[in-house]
Amino acid sequence: MRDKLQLRCTTCKEENYIYKKNKSIHPEKLKINKYCWKCNTKTAHEEKKK
């Protein structure tokens, strides 16, 4: 089953993206470089804690 999660910028803590992943196959936390509109650069985005 795929769960929805939010990605949060590591520098400004803004929640920018919604992502889906299968937690049974990939239980580790997701970390992706994405564009942040507030920082105006590409930064690391992490999975938000629930």
N, C-alpha and C. Protein backbone atom coordinates (compact mmCIF):
# COMPACT_ATOMS: atom_id res chain seq x y z
N MET A 1 0.83 -1.17 0.00
CA MET A 1 0.00 0.00 0.00
C MET A 1 0.88 1.25 0.00
N ARG A 2 0.52 2.19 -0.84
CA ARG A 2 1.29 3.43 -0.94
C ARG A 2 0.69 4.49 -0.02
N ASP A 3 1.55 5.12 0.76
CA ASP A 3 1.12 6.15 1.70
C ASP A 3 1.55 7.52 1.20
N LYS A 4 0.72 8.52 1.46
CA LYS A 4 1.07 9.90 1.13
C LYS A 4 1.93 10.45 2.26
N LEU A 5 2.93 11.24 1.89
CA LEU A 5 3.75 11.91 2.87
C LEU A 5 4.14 13.28 2.33
N GLN A 6 4.51 14.17 3.22
CA GLN A 6 4.91 15.51 2.81
C GLN A 6 6.41 15.64 2.93
N LEU A 7 7.01 16.36 1.96
CA LEU A 7 8.44 16.62 1.99
C LEU A 7 8.67 18.02 2.52
N ARG A 8 9.61 18.15 3.46
CA ARG A 8 9.89 19.41 4.11
C ARG A 8 11.32 19.84 3.80
N CYS A 9 11.50 21.11 3.47
CA CYS A 9 12.83 21.68 3.21
C CYS A 9 13.64 21.64 4.49
N THR A 10 14.90 21.24 4.41
CA THR A 10 15.73 21.13 5.60
C THR A 10 16.27 22.48 6.07
N THR A 11 16.29 23.48 5.20
CA THR A 11 16.83 24.78 5.62
C THR A 11 15.75 25.71 6.18
N CYS A 12 14.61 25.83 5.50
CA CYS A 12 13.58 26.77 5.96
C CYS A 12 12.37 26.08 6.59
N LYS A 13 12.32 24.75 6.56
CA LYS A 13 11.25 23.94 7.17
C LYS A 13 9.87 24.16 6.51
N GLU A 14 9.86 24.60 5.28
CA GLU A 14 8.61 24.78 4.54
C GLU A 14 8.21 23.44 3.91
N GLU A 15 6.93 23.10 4.00
CA GLU A 15 6.43 21.86 3.41
C GLU A 15 5.99 22.15 1.98
N ASN A 16 6.77 21.67 1.00
CA ASN A 16 6.57 22.06 -0.39
C ASN A 16 5.93 20.98 -1.26
N TYR A 17 6.20 19.73 -1.02
CA TYR A 17 5.80 18.67 -1.94
C TYR A 17 5.02 17.58 -1.23
N ILE A 18 4.13 16.92 -1.98
CA ILE A 18 3.44 15.72 -1.52
C ILE A 18 3.98 14.57 -2.35
N TYR A 19 4.32 13.48 -1.71
CA TYR A 19 4.98 12.35 -2.36
C TYR A 19 4.31 11.07 -1.90
N LYS A 20 4.34 10.04 -2.71
CA LYS A 20 3.80 8.73 -2.35
C LYS A 20 4.91 7.70 -2.40
N LYS A 21 4.94 6.82 -1.37
CA LYS A 21 5.92 5.73 -1.41
C LYS A 21 5.34 4.51 -0.71
N ASN A 22 5.87 3.36 -1.05
CA ASN A 22 5.47 2.10 -0.46
C ASN A 22 6.35 1.86 0.76
N LYS A 23 5.79 2.01 1.96
CA LYS A 23 6.58 1.90 3.18
C LYS A 23 6.99 0.47 3.51
N SER A 24 6.30 -0.51 2.97
CA SER A 24 6.70 -1.89 3.24
C SER A 24 7.97 -2.25 2.46
N ILE A 25 8.16 -1.68 1.29
CA ILE A 25 9.36 -1.95 0.49
C ILE A 25 10.50 -1.02 0.89
N HIS A 26 10.19 0.27 1.15
CA HIS A 26 11.19 1.28 1.49
C HIS A 26 10.88 1.89 2.86
N PRO A 27 11.26 1.24 3.95
CA PRO A 27 10.93 1.76 5.28
C PRO A 27 11.79 2.94 5.73
N GLU A 28 12.94 3.16 5.07
CA GLU A 28 13.82 4.25 5.49
C GLU A 28 13.23 5.61 5.10
N LYS A 29 13.72 6.66 5.76
CA LYS A 29 13.26 8.01 5.48
C LYS A 29 13.74 8.46 4.10
N LEU A 30 12.89 9.19 3.43
CA LEU A 30 13.19 9.68 2.09
C LEU A 30 13.90 11.02 2.18
N LYS A 31 14.94 11.21 1.38
CA LYS A 31 15.66 12.49 1.32
C LYS A 31 15.99 12.76 -0.15
N ILE A 32 15.42 13.84 -0.70
CA ILE A 32 15.56 14.17 -2.12
C ILE A 32 15.95 15.64 -2.26
N ASN A 33 16.78 15.95 -3.25
CA ASN A 33 17.06 17.35 -3.57
C ASN A 33 15.97 17.86 -4.49
N LYS A 34 15.26 18.89 -4.03
CA LYS A 34 14.16 19.50 -4.79
C LYS A 34 14.30 21.01 -4.71
N TYR A 35 13.54 21.70 -5.57
CA TYR A 35 13.54 23.16 -5.58
C TYR A 35 12.63 23.69 -4.48
N CYS A 36 13.12 24.63 -3.70
CA CYS A 36 12.32 25.28 -2.65
C CYS A 36 12.01 26.70 -3.10
N TRP A 37 10.72 27.06 -3.12
CA TRP A 37 10.31 28.38 -3.57
C TRP A 37 10.69 29.45 -2.58
N LYS A 38 10.71 29.13 -1.31
CA LYS A 38 11.04 30.13 -0.30
C LYS A 38 12.55 30.42 -0.29
N CYS A 39 13.38 29.38 -0.40
CA CYS A 39 14.84 29.56 -0.43
C CYS A 39 15.33 29.99 -1.81
N ASN A 40 14.54 29.72 -2.83
CA ASN A 40 14.86 30.05 -4.23
C ASN A 40 16.09 29.29 -4.73
N THR A 41 16.34 28.09 -4.20
CA THR A 41 17.44 27.24 -4.64
C THR A 41 17.02 25.77 -4.50
N LYS A 42 17.86 24.89 -5.00
CA LYS A 42 17.65 23.45 -4.79
C LYS A 42 18.23 23.08 -3.44
N THR A 43 17.41 22.50 -2.59
CA THR A 43 17.84 22.09 -1.26
C THR A 43 17.38 20.67 -0.98
N ALA A 44 17.90 20.08 0.07
CA ALA A 44 17.47 18.73 0.48
C ALA A 44 16.10 18.81 1.14
N HIS A 45 15.23 17.91 0.74
CA HIS A 45 13.89 17.81 1.33
C HIS A 45 13.77 16.44 1.97
N GLU A 46 13.28 16.42 3.22
CA GLU A 46 13.12 15.19 3.97
C GLU A 46 11.66 14.89 4.20
N GLU A 47 11.39 13.63 4.47
CA GLU A 47 10.05 13.18 4.83
C GLU A 47 9.66 13.80 6.17
N LYS A 48 8.46 14.35 6.24
CA LYS A 48 7.98 14.99 7.47
C LYS A 48 7.60 13.93 8.49
N LYS A 49 7.91 14.18 9.77
CA LYS A 49 7.48 13.29 10.85
C LYS A 49 5.99 13.41 11.02
N LYS A 50 5.33 12.30 11.35
CA LYS A 50 3.88 12.33 11.55
C LYS A 50 3.54 12.56 12.99
